[in-house]
Amino acid sequence: MLTPSFLPLMGGMEVKIYEVSKGLVKRGHQVALLTIQREPKTPKHESIHGVDVYRFKLTGLFFLPKFLHLMTTRKVNLIHIHFMWRTGLLCALVGRLLGKPTVLGLAGSDVYHPLIHPKFLSPFYLKVVKTIINLLITTSEDLKEKALKNGFPPRILAIPQGVDLERFDFKIEREKTREQLGVSKEPLVLSVAQLIPRKGLIYLIRAVPEVLKSVPNVKFIIAGEGPERPKLEEEIKQLGVENAVRLVGGAPYDMVPKFYAATDVFVLPTLYDAMPHAVYEAMAMEKPVVATRVGGIPEVIENGSDGLLVDSMKPDEIAKAIITLLKNRELATRLGKNALKKIKEGYTWEKIVQQYEQAYEETMKTGCQRRL
């Protein structure tokens, strides 16, 4: 496995890589994970649940000697690169020369937002991918379709995200966390996301005044950190909703499930996402979800059955959905129960890891003789 970021960072991609790697080790495979050392205090080498993690400061061509050393000192059957980053693709080229089948995981922003990563959709990069990659994996059918439209080769498999039902246990005690958050009997609306523009949190904040008209005592908590925090704080101030909305910063790893347990409605107003992990987590916690009708979200949420979908950048729609769930607790309970049922049936990490294992085995069978 090669990834530009890994634990202790806890974004959706990092969680997925961690869970899949850990699951493969449980199923009897050896996994070595190479990543960038982004924090000086993180160890250069450690074992995390049986996954050998190697962190390096050097990238690009300077990284290749380290990569070659690992390739020649360990028995490597397959290479999986997460995200279209330069160092990863250089390693894929070396792996190809060594006869190793290679998988590339598309993260979403490398396809959804070409203005951020324009080089990834350039003819050169696409030619490199077509030449050296045996299989592409996306987290949603929507991302798969967009990748094909952007010129990626046709051997693409969509494998969704998963969720750890032991960690995200809907039976987690609720009232204690509400006390810690300073919430007693008031309805609580939660959003967990990075404070970045594409998460659309400003539209959730703009929905707050309308919700307060119908549910005056409702409280909103936004858990996450990021560069858009000053803008969101200013919007809260301008709307005069400081008493209703709190930005609590990034939630500690062990607190995230408790945040979900404490809430009554979960909202993710993202502008685009391949398959946001927070949606799975909220569903696993048996919470009614309001999410935008973008990316892969409609693939996991059926509107009116196990969640409510709204158009992006529409505060009025967000407000209406929140009010509906706060006023109609029977509907909220039904959506939450259906959501948990769906997660149990198809989105546990055990089931997702099996899909990865099957994809790897098929790729190793066909080997480097396959040309896309």
Protein backbone atom coordinates (compact mmCIF):
# COMPACT_ATOMS: atom_id res chain seq x y z
CA MET A 1 0.00 0.00 0.00
CA LEU A 2 1.20 3.50 -0.84
CA THR A 3 -0.65 6.58 0.37
CA PRO A 4 0.27 10.26 0.73
CA SER A 5 -1.30 10.37 4.21
CA PHE A 6 -2.14 7.91 6.96
CA LEU A 7 -2.68 7.72 10.71
CA PRO A 8 -2.62 9.71 12.92
CA LEU A 9 -4.55 11.76 10.32
CA MET A 10 -8.16 10.57 10.41
CA GLY A 11 -9.86 11.67 7.19
CA GLY A 12 -12.11 9.38 5.18
CA MET A 13 -9.29 8.06 2.98
CA GLU A 14 -7.02 7.36 5.95
CA VAL A 15 -9.79 5.48 7.79
CA LYS A 16 -10.56 3.38 4.71
CA ILE A 17 -6.92 2.44 4.15
CA TYR A 18 -6.49 1.58 7.83
CA GLU A 19 -9.62 -0.59 7.98
CA VAL A 20 -8.91 -2.41 4.71
CA SER A 21 -5.27 -3.05 5.65
CA LYS A 22 -6.23 -4.27 9.13
CA GLY A 23 -8.95 -6.49 7.66
CA LEU A 24 -6.55 -8.05 5.15
CA VAL A 25 -4.12 -8.91 7.96
CA LYS A 26 -6.97 -10.57 9.85
CA ARG A 27 -7.66 -12.67 6.77
CA GLY A 28 -4.07 -13.95 6.71
CA HIS A 29 -2.34 -11.49 4.36
CA GLN A 30 0.80 -9.46 4.96
CA VAL A 31 0.44 -5.72 4.41
CA ALA A 32 3.25 -3.16 4.19
CA LEU A 33 2.12 0.46 4.03
CA LEU A 34 4.37 3.28 2.82
CA THR A 35 3.44 6.89 3.47
CA ILE A 36 4.81 10.39 4.02
CA GLN A 37 6.00 11.35 7.51
CA ARG A 38 3.90 14.50 7.98
CA GLU A 39 4.49 14.90 11.73
CA PRO A 40 8.03 14.68 13.16
CA LYS A 41 6.87 12.79 16.26
CA THR A 42 5.31 9.89 14.36
CA PRO A 43 7.58 6.84 14.19
CA LYS A 44 9.33 6.03 10.93
CA HIS A 45 8.34 2.38 11.32
CA GLU A 46 5.68 0.78 13.44
CA SER A 47 3.19 -2.08 13.40
CA ILE A 48 -0.49 -1.10 13.68
CA HIS A 49 -2.75 -4.14 14.14
CA GLY A 50 -0.27 -6.21 12.17
CA VAL A 51 0.13 -3.65 9.36
CA ASP A 52 3.80 -2.67 8.84
CA VAL A 53 3.78 1.11 8.44
CA TYR A 54 6.83 2.89 6.99
CA ARG A 55 6.96 6.70 6.97
CA PHE A 56 9.42 8.65 4.83
CA LYS A 57 10.26 12.34 4.62
CA LEU A 58 11.53 12.20 1.03
CA THR A 59 9.15 11.93 -1.92
CA GLY A 60 9.38 11.76 -5.70
CA LEU A 61 12.59 10.35 -7.18
CA PHE A 62 14.31 10.56 -3.77
CA PHE A 63 11.81 8.01 -2.44
CA LEU A 64 12.52 5.35 -5.04
CA PRO A 65 15.61 3.81 -3.36
CA LYS A 66 13.55 3.16 -0.23
CA PHE A 67 10.77 1.68 -2.31
CA LEU A 68 13.17 -0.55 -4.26
CA HIS A 69 14.72 -1.78 -1.02
CA LEU A 70 11.31 -2.83 0.28
CA MET A 71 10.39 -4.47 -3.01
CA THR A 72 13.58 -6.55 -3.03
CA THR A 73 13.63 -7.52 0.65
CA ARG A 74 9.97 -8.53 0.99
CA LYS A 75 7.79 -10.80 -1.07
CA VAL A 76 5.44 -8.37 -2.80
CA ASN A 77 2.56 -9.80 -4.84
CA LEU A 78 0.62 -6.62 -5.56
CA ILE A 79 0.93 -2.85 -5.21
CA HIS A 80 -2.04 -0.65 -4.30
CA ILE A 81 -1.59 3.11 -4.69
CA HIS A 82 -4.15 5.38 -3.05
CA PHE A 83 -4.74 8.71 -4.81
CA MET A 84 -3.02 9.91 -8.00
CA TRP A 85 0.09 11.37 -6.44
CA ARG A 86 3.44 11.70 -8.23
CA THR A 87 5.44 9.47 -5.87
CA GLY A 88 2.81 6.75 -6.06
CA LEU A 89 2.78 6.72 -9.85
CA LEU A 90 6.60 6.61 -9.96
CA CYS A 91 6.47 3.56 -7.68
CA ALA A 92 3.80 2.03 -9.91
CA LEU A 93 6.14 2.41 -12.88
CA VAL A 94 8.94 0.68 -10.97
CA GLY A 95 6.52 -2.04 -9.90
CA ARG A 96 5.50 -2.54 -13.50
CA LEU A 97 9.14 -2.96 -14.52
CA LEU A 98 9.49 -5.56 -11.74
CA GLY A 99 6.42 -7.40 -13.02
CA LYS A 100 4.11 -6.55 -10.12
CA PRO A 101 0.39 -6.00 -10.80
CA THR A 102 -0.72 -2.57 -9.63
CA VAL A 103 -4.03 -1.16 -8.38
CA LEU A 104 -4.81 2.57 -8.26
CA GLY A 105 -7.47 3.93 -5.89
CA LEU A 106 -9.14 7.15 -7.03
CA ALA A 107 -9.99 9.30 -4.01
CA GLY A 108 -12.51 11.71 -5.53
CA SER A 109 -10.88 15.13 -5.62
CA ASP A 110 -8.44 13.82 -8.23
CA VAL A 111 -11.46 13.31 -10.52
CA TYR A 112 -14.27 15.54 -9.23
CA HIS A 113 -12.21 18.73 -9.06
CA PRO A 114 -9.76 19.03 -12.00
CA LEU A 115 -9.10 22.69 -11.12
CA ILE A 116 -7.36 21.50 -7.94
CA HIS A 117 -5.48 18.66 -9.61
CA PRO A 118 -5.43 19.58 -13.35
CA LYS A 119 -2.37 17.45 -14.12
CA PHE A 120 -4.17 14.25 -13.13
CA LEU A 121 -6.54 14.61 -16.10
CA SER A 122 -3.78 15.57 -18.54
CA PRO A 123 -3.10 13.26 -21.53
CA PHE A 124 0.31 12.38 -20.04
CA TYR A 125 -1.05 11.20 -16.69
CA LEU A 126 -3.91 9.30 -18.29
CA LYS A 127 -1.46 7.57 -20.63
CA VAL A 128 0.69 6.59 -17.65
CA VAL A 129 -2.36 5.16 -15.89
CA LYS A 130 -3.44 3.22 -18.98
CA THR A 131 0.05 1.77 -19.38
CA ILE A 132 1.00 0.71 -15.87
CA ILE A 133 -2.22 0.24 -13.86
CA ASN A 134 -4.05 -3.09 -13.93
CA LEU A 135 -7.14 -2.05 -11.99
CA LEU A 136 -8.71 1.19 -10.77
CA ILE A 137 -10.90 1.22 -7.67
CA THR A 138 -13.37 3.96 -6.75
CA THR A 139 -15.64 4.30 -3.72
CA SER A 140 -18.84 4.90 -5.72
CA GLU A 141 -20.48 4.23 -9.06
CA ASP A 142 -20.77 7.99 -9.53
CA LEU A 143 -17.00 8.45 -9.23
CA LYS A 144 -16.50 5.50 -11.58
CA GLU A 145 -18.75 7.09 -14.23
CA LYS A 146 -16.99 10.45 -13.93
CA ALA A 147 -13.59 8.77 -14.21
CA LEU A 148 -14.66 7.06 -17.42
CA LYS A 149 -15.98 10.34 -18.85
CA ASN A 150 -12.65 12.01 -18.02
CA GLY A 151 -10.73 9.44 -20.03
CA PHE A 152 -9.61 6.90 -17.43
CA PRO A 153 -9.29 3.33 -18.74
CA PRO A 154 -12.38 1.08 -18.50
CA ARG A 155 -11.11 -1.49 -16.00
CA ILE A 156 -12.66 0.23 -12.97
CA LEU A 157 -14.33 -1.36 -9.98
CA ALA A 158 -16.50 0.51 -7.45
CA ILE A 159 -16.11 -0.70 -3.85
CA PRO A 160 -17.95 1.42 -1.25
CA GLN A 161 -16.76 2.56 2.15
CA GLY A 162 -17.51 0.55 5.27
CA VAL A 163 -18.04 1.16 8.96
CA ASP A 164 -16.82 -0.50 12.16
CA LEU A 165 -19.99 -1.54 13.99
CA GLU A 166 -18.08 -2.28 17.19
CA ARG A 167 -16.75 1.26 17.35
CA PHE A 168 -19.90 2.91 16.03
CA ASP A 169 -22.32 1.10 18.30
CA PHE A 170 -25.79 2.66 18.35
CA LYS A 171 -26.17 1.54 21.99
CA ILE A 172 -23.46 3.95 23.19
CA GLU A 173 -24.67 5.90 26.22
CA ARG A 174 -26.22 9.18 25.05
CA GLU A 175 -26.98 11.39 28.03
CA LYS A 176 -23.46 11.61 29.45
CA THR A 177 -22.10 12.96 26.16
CA ARG A 178 -24.94 15.46 25.93
CA GLU A 179 -24.00 16.72 29.40
CA GLN A 180 -20.37 17.09 28.30
CA LEU A 181 -21.55 19.10 25.29
CA GLY A 182 -23.72 21.33 27.45
CA VAL A 183 -26.98 20.00 25.99
CA SER A 184 -29.81 18.80 28.19
CA LYS A 185 -33.28 18.33 26.70
CA GLU A 186 -32.79 20.51 23.62
CA PRO A 187 -32.88 18.89 20.18
CA LEU A 188 -29.35 18.53 18.79
CA VAL A 189 -28.28 18.66 15.13
CA LEU A 190 -24.76 17.46 14.31
CA SER A 191 -22.40 17.76 11.36
CA VAL A 192 -18.96 16.12 11.27
CA ALA A 193 -16.72 17.37 8.48
CA GLN A 194 -13.55 19.22 7.62
CA LEU A 195 -14.07 22.97 7.62
CA ILE A 196 -13.37 23.38 3.92
CA PRO A 197 -15.56 24.95 1.20
CA ARG A 198 -16.58 21.73 -0.53
CA LYS A 199 -18.24 20.40 2.63
CA GLY A 200 -20.92 23.11 2.22
CA LEU A 201 -21.15 23.89 5.94
CA ILE A 202 -21.93 27.54 5.30
CA TYR A 203 -25.26 26.43 3.79
CA LEU A 204 -26.08 24.51 6.96
CA ILE A 205 -25.35 27.64 9.00
CA ARG A 206 -27.58 29.68 6.69
CA ALA A 207 -30.38 27.19 7.34
CA VAL A 208 -30.23 27.74 11.10
CA PRO A 209 -32.44 30.90 11.34
CA GLU A 210 -35.27 29.13 9.52
CA VAL A 211 -35.01 26.07 11.78
CA LEU A 212 -35.06 28.29 14.88
CA LYS A 213 -38.41 29.74 13.79
CA SER A 214 -40.00 26.28 14.15
CA VAL A 215 -37.77 24.78 16.86
CA PRO A 216 -36.50 27.71 18.98
CA ASN A 217 -34.47 25.62 21.42
CA VAL A 218 -32.55 23.54 18.83
CA LYS A 219 -28.75 23.40 19.11
CA PHE A 220 -26.24 22.81 16.28
CA ILE A 221 -22.77 21.35 16.72
CA ILE A 222 -20.21 21.24 13.91
CA ALA A 223 -17.25 18.96 14.68
CA GLY A 224 -14.21 19.46 12.51
CA GLU A 225 -11.31 21.75 11.81
CA GLY A 226 -10.03 23.48 8.72
CA PRO A 227 -9.17 26.73 6.94
CA GLU A 228 -12.78 27.87 6.51
CA ARG A 229 -13.35 28.23 10.24
CA PRO A 230 -12.98 32.07 10.32
CA LYS A 231 -15.50 32.43 7.48
CA LEU A 232 -18.00 30.15 9.23
CA GLU A 233 -17.55 32.00 12.52
CA GLU A 234 -18.21 35.30 10.76
CA GLU A 235 -21.35 33.88 9.12
CA ILE A 236 -22.64 32.69 12.50
CA LYS A 237 -22.05 36.16 13.92
CA GLN A 238 -23.67 37.93 10.98
CA LEU A 239 -26.79 35.75 11.27
CA GLY A 240 -26.95 36.29 15.03
CA VAL A 241 -27.09 32.55 15.81
CA GLU A 242 -24.12 32.37 18.20
CA ASN A 243 -26.31 30.85 20.93
CA ALA A 244 -27.53 28.07 18.64
CA VAL A 245 -24.38 27.04 16.73
CA ARG A 246 -21.07 25.80 18.13
CA LEU A 247 -17.89 24.94 16.25
CA VAL A 248 -16.20 22.46 18.58
CA GLY A 249 -13.09 21.74 16.52
CA GLY A 250 -11.78 18.34 15.55
CA ALA A 251 -13.26 15.60 17.71
CA PRO A 252 -10.78 13.21 19.37
CA TYR A 253 -10.82 9.74 17.81
CA ASP A 254 -12.58 8.09 20.75
CA MET A 255 -15.17 10.88 21.00
CA VAL A 256 -16.54 10.71 17.44
CA PRO A 257 -19.02 7.86 18.09
CA LYS A 258 -20.21 9.64 21.24
CA PHE A 259 -20.95 12.78 19.24
CA TYR A 260 -23.23 10.73 16.99
CA ALA A 261 -24.86 9.08 19.99
CA ALA A 262 -25.71 12.47 21.47
CA THR A 263 -27.40 13.89 18.38
CA ASP A 264 -30.99 13.78 17.10
CA VAL A 265 -30.32 14.57 13.43
CA PHE A 266 -27.12 14.35 11.40
CA VAL A 267 -26.55 16.70 8.45
CA LEU A 268 -23.90 16.64 5.73
CA PRO A 269 -24.40 19.49 3.21
CA THR A 270 -21.38 18.58 1.04
CA LEU A 271 -21.07 20.05 -2.46
CA TYR A 272 -19.36 16.96 -3.88
CA ASP A 273 -18.05 13.73 -2.37
CA ALA A 274 -17.33 10.32 -3.77
CA MET A 275 -18.71 8.60 -0.67
CA PRO A 276 -18.37 10.52 2.61
CA HIS A 277 -17.48 8.32 5.54
CA ALA A 278 -19.49 10.39 8.02
CA VAL A 279 -22.74 9.33 6.34
CA TYR A 280 -21.98 5.66 7.02
CA GLU A 281 -21.04 6.42 10.62
CA ALA A 282 -24.26 8.31 11.33
CA MET A 283 -26.34 5.56 9.71
CA ALA A 284 -24.54 2.92 11.79
CA MET A 285 -25.45 4.94 14.90
CA GLU A 286 -29.13 4.65 13.91
CA LYS A 287 -29.42 8.40 13.30
CA PRO A 288 -31.68 10.04 10.70
CA VAL A 289 -29.44 11.64 8.07
CA VAL A 290 -29.98 14.73 5.94
CA ALA A 291 -27.45 14.78 3.10
CA THR A 292 -27.04 16.40 -0.27
CA ARG A 293 -27.92 14.63 -3.48
CA VAL A 294 -24.35 14.57 -4.81
CA GLY A 295 -21.63 12.08 -5.68
CA GLY A 296 -22.17 8.60 -4.31
CA ILE A 297 -24.52 9.63 -1.49
CA PRO A 298 -27.73 8.58 -3.35
CA GLU A 299 -26.17 5.13 -3.75
CA VAL A 300 -26.30 4.54 0.00
CA ILE A 301 -29.26 6.74 1.04
CA GLU A 302 -32.70 6.10 -0.44
CA ASN A 303 -34.65 9.31 0.01
CA GLY A 304 -37.52 8.87 2.45
CA SER A 305 -36.55 5.30 3.31
CA ASP A 306 -33.29 5.51 5.27
CA GLY A 307 -32.52 9.23 5.10
CA LEU A 308 -33.51 12.51 3.47
CA LEU A 309 -31.76 13.94 0.41
CA VAL A 310 -31.68 17.63 -0.49
CA ASP A 311 -30.10 19.66 -3.27
CA SER A 312 -26.71 21.17 -2.53
CA MET A 313 -26.32 24.89 -1.75
CA LYS A 314 -30.00 25.12 -0.75
CA PRO A 315 -30.34 26.30 2.89
CA ASP A 316 -34.13 26.31 2.58
CA GLU A 317 -34.21 22.61 1.69
CA ILE A 318 -31.77 21.76 4.47
CA ALA A 319 -33.90 23.68 6.98
CA LYS A 320 -37.11 22.00 5.82
CA ALA A 321 -35.59 18.51 6.16
CA ILE A 322 -34.21 19.24 9.64
CA ILE A 323 -37.54 20.65 10.82
CA THR A 324 -39.37 17.62 9.44
CA LEU A 325 -37.18 15.22 11.41
CA LEU A 326 -37.26 17.23 14.62
CA LYS A 327 -41.05 17.57 14.49
CA ASN A 328 -41.82 14.05 13.28
CA ARG A 329 -39.93 11.77 15.66
CA GLU A 330 -41.73 8.68 14.36
CA LEU A 331 -40.28 9.35 10.89
CA ALA A 332 -36.85 10.11 12.35
CA THR A 333 -36.86 6.83 14.29
CA ARG A 334 -37.94 4.84 11.24
CA LEU A 335 -35.26 6.35 9.02
CA GLY A 336 -32.61 5.67 11.65
CA LYS A 337 -33.60 2.02 12.07
CA ASN A 338 -33.68 1.48 8.29
CA ALA A 339 -30.28 3.13 7.98
CA LEU A 340 -28.71 0.81 10.55
CA LYS A 341 -30.29 -2.20 8.85
CA LYS A 342 -28.79 -1.18 5.51
CA ILE A 343 -25.33 -0.74 7.02
CA LYS A 344 -25.45 -4.14 8.69
CA GLU A 345 -26.53 -5.84 5.47
CA GLY A 346 -23.95 -4.40 3.10
CA TYR A 347 -21.47 -1.92 4.51
CA THR A 348 -19.52 -3.53 7.35
CA TRP A 349 -15.76 -3.51 6.91
CA GLU A 350 -15.75 -7.31 6.91
CA LYS A 351 -17.86 -7.32 3.73
CA ILE A 352 -15.86 -4.50 2.14
CA VAL A 353 -12.50 -6.17 2.85
CA GLN A 354 -13.75 -9.33 1.15
CA GLN A 355 -14.48 -7.28 -1.97
CA TYR A 356 -10.95 -5.88 -1.94
CA GLU A 357 -9.49 -9.34 -1.41
CA GLN A 358 -11.45 -10.69 -4.38
CA ALA A 359 -10.35 -7.75 -6.56
CA TYR A 360 -6.69 -8.29 -5.60
CA GLU A 361 -6.85 -12.02 -6.28
CA GLU A 362 -8.39 -11.45 -9.71
CA THR A 363 -5.77 -8.82 -10.54
CA MET A 364 -2.92 -11.13 -9.52
CA LYS A 365 -4.38 -13.92 -11.69
CA THR A 366 -4.43 -11.74 -14.77
CA GLY A 367 -1.08 -10.19 -13.80
CA CYS A 368 0.88 -7.68 -15.78
CA GLN A 369 0.01 -9.32 -19.09
CA ARG A 370 -3.35 -7.48 -19.02
CA ARG A 371 -3.33 -4.18 -20.88
CA LEU A 372 -6.07 -1.66 -20.33
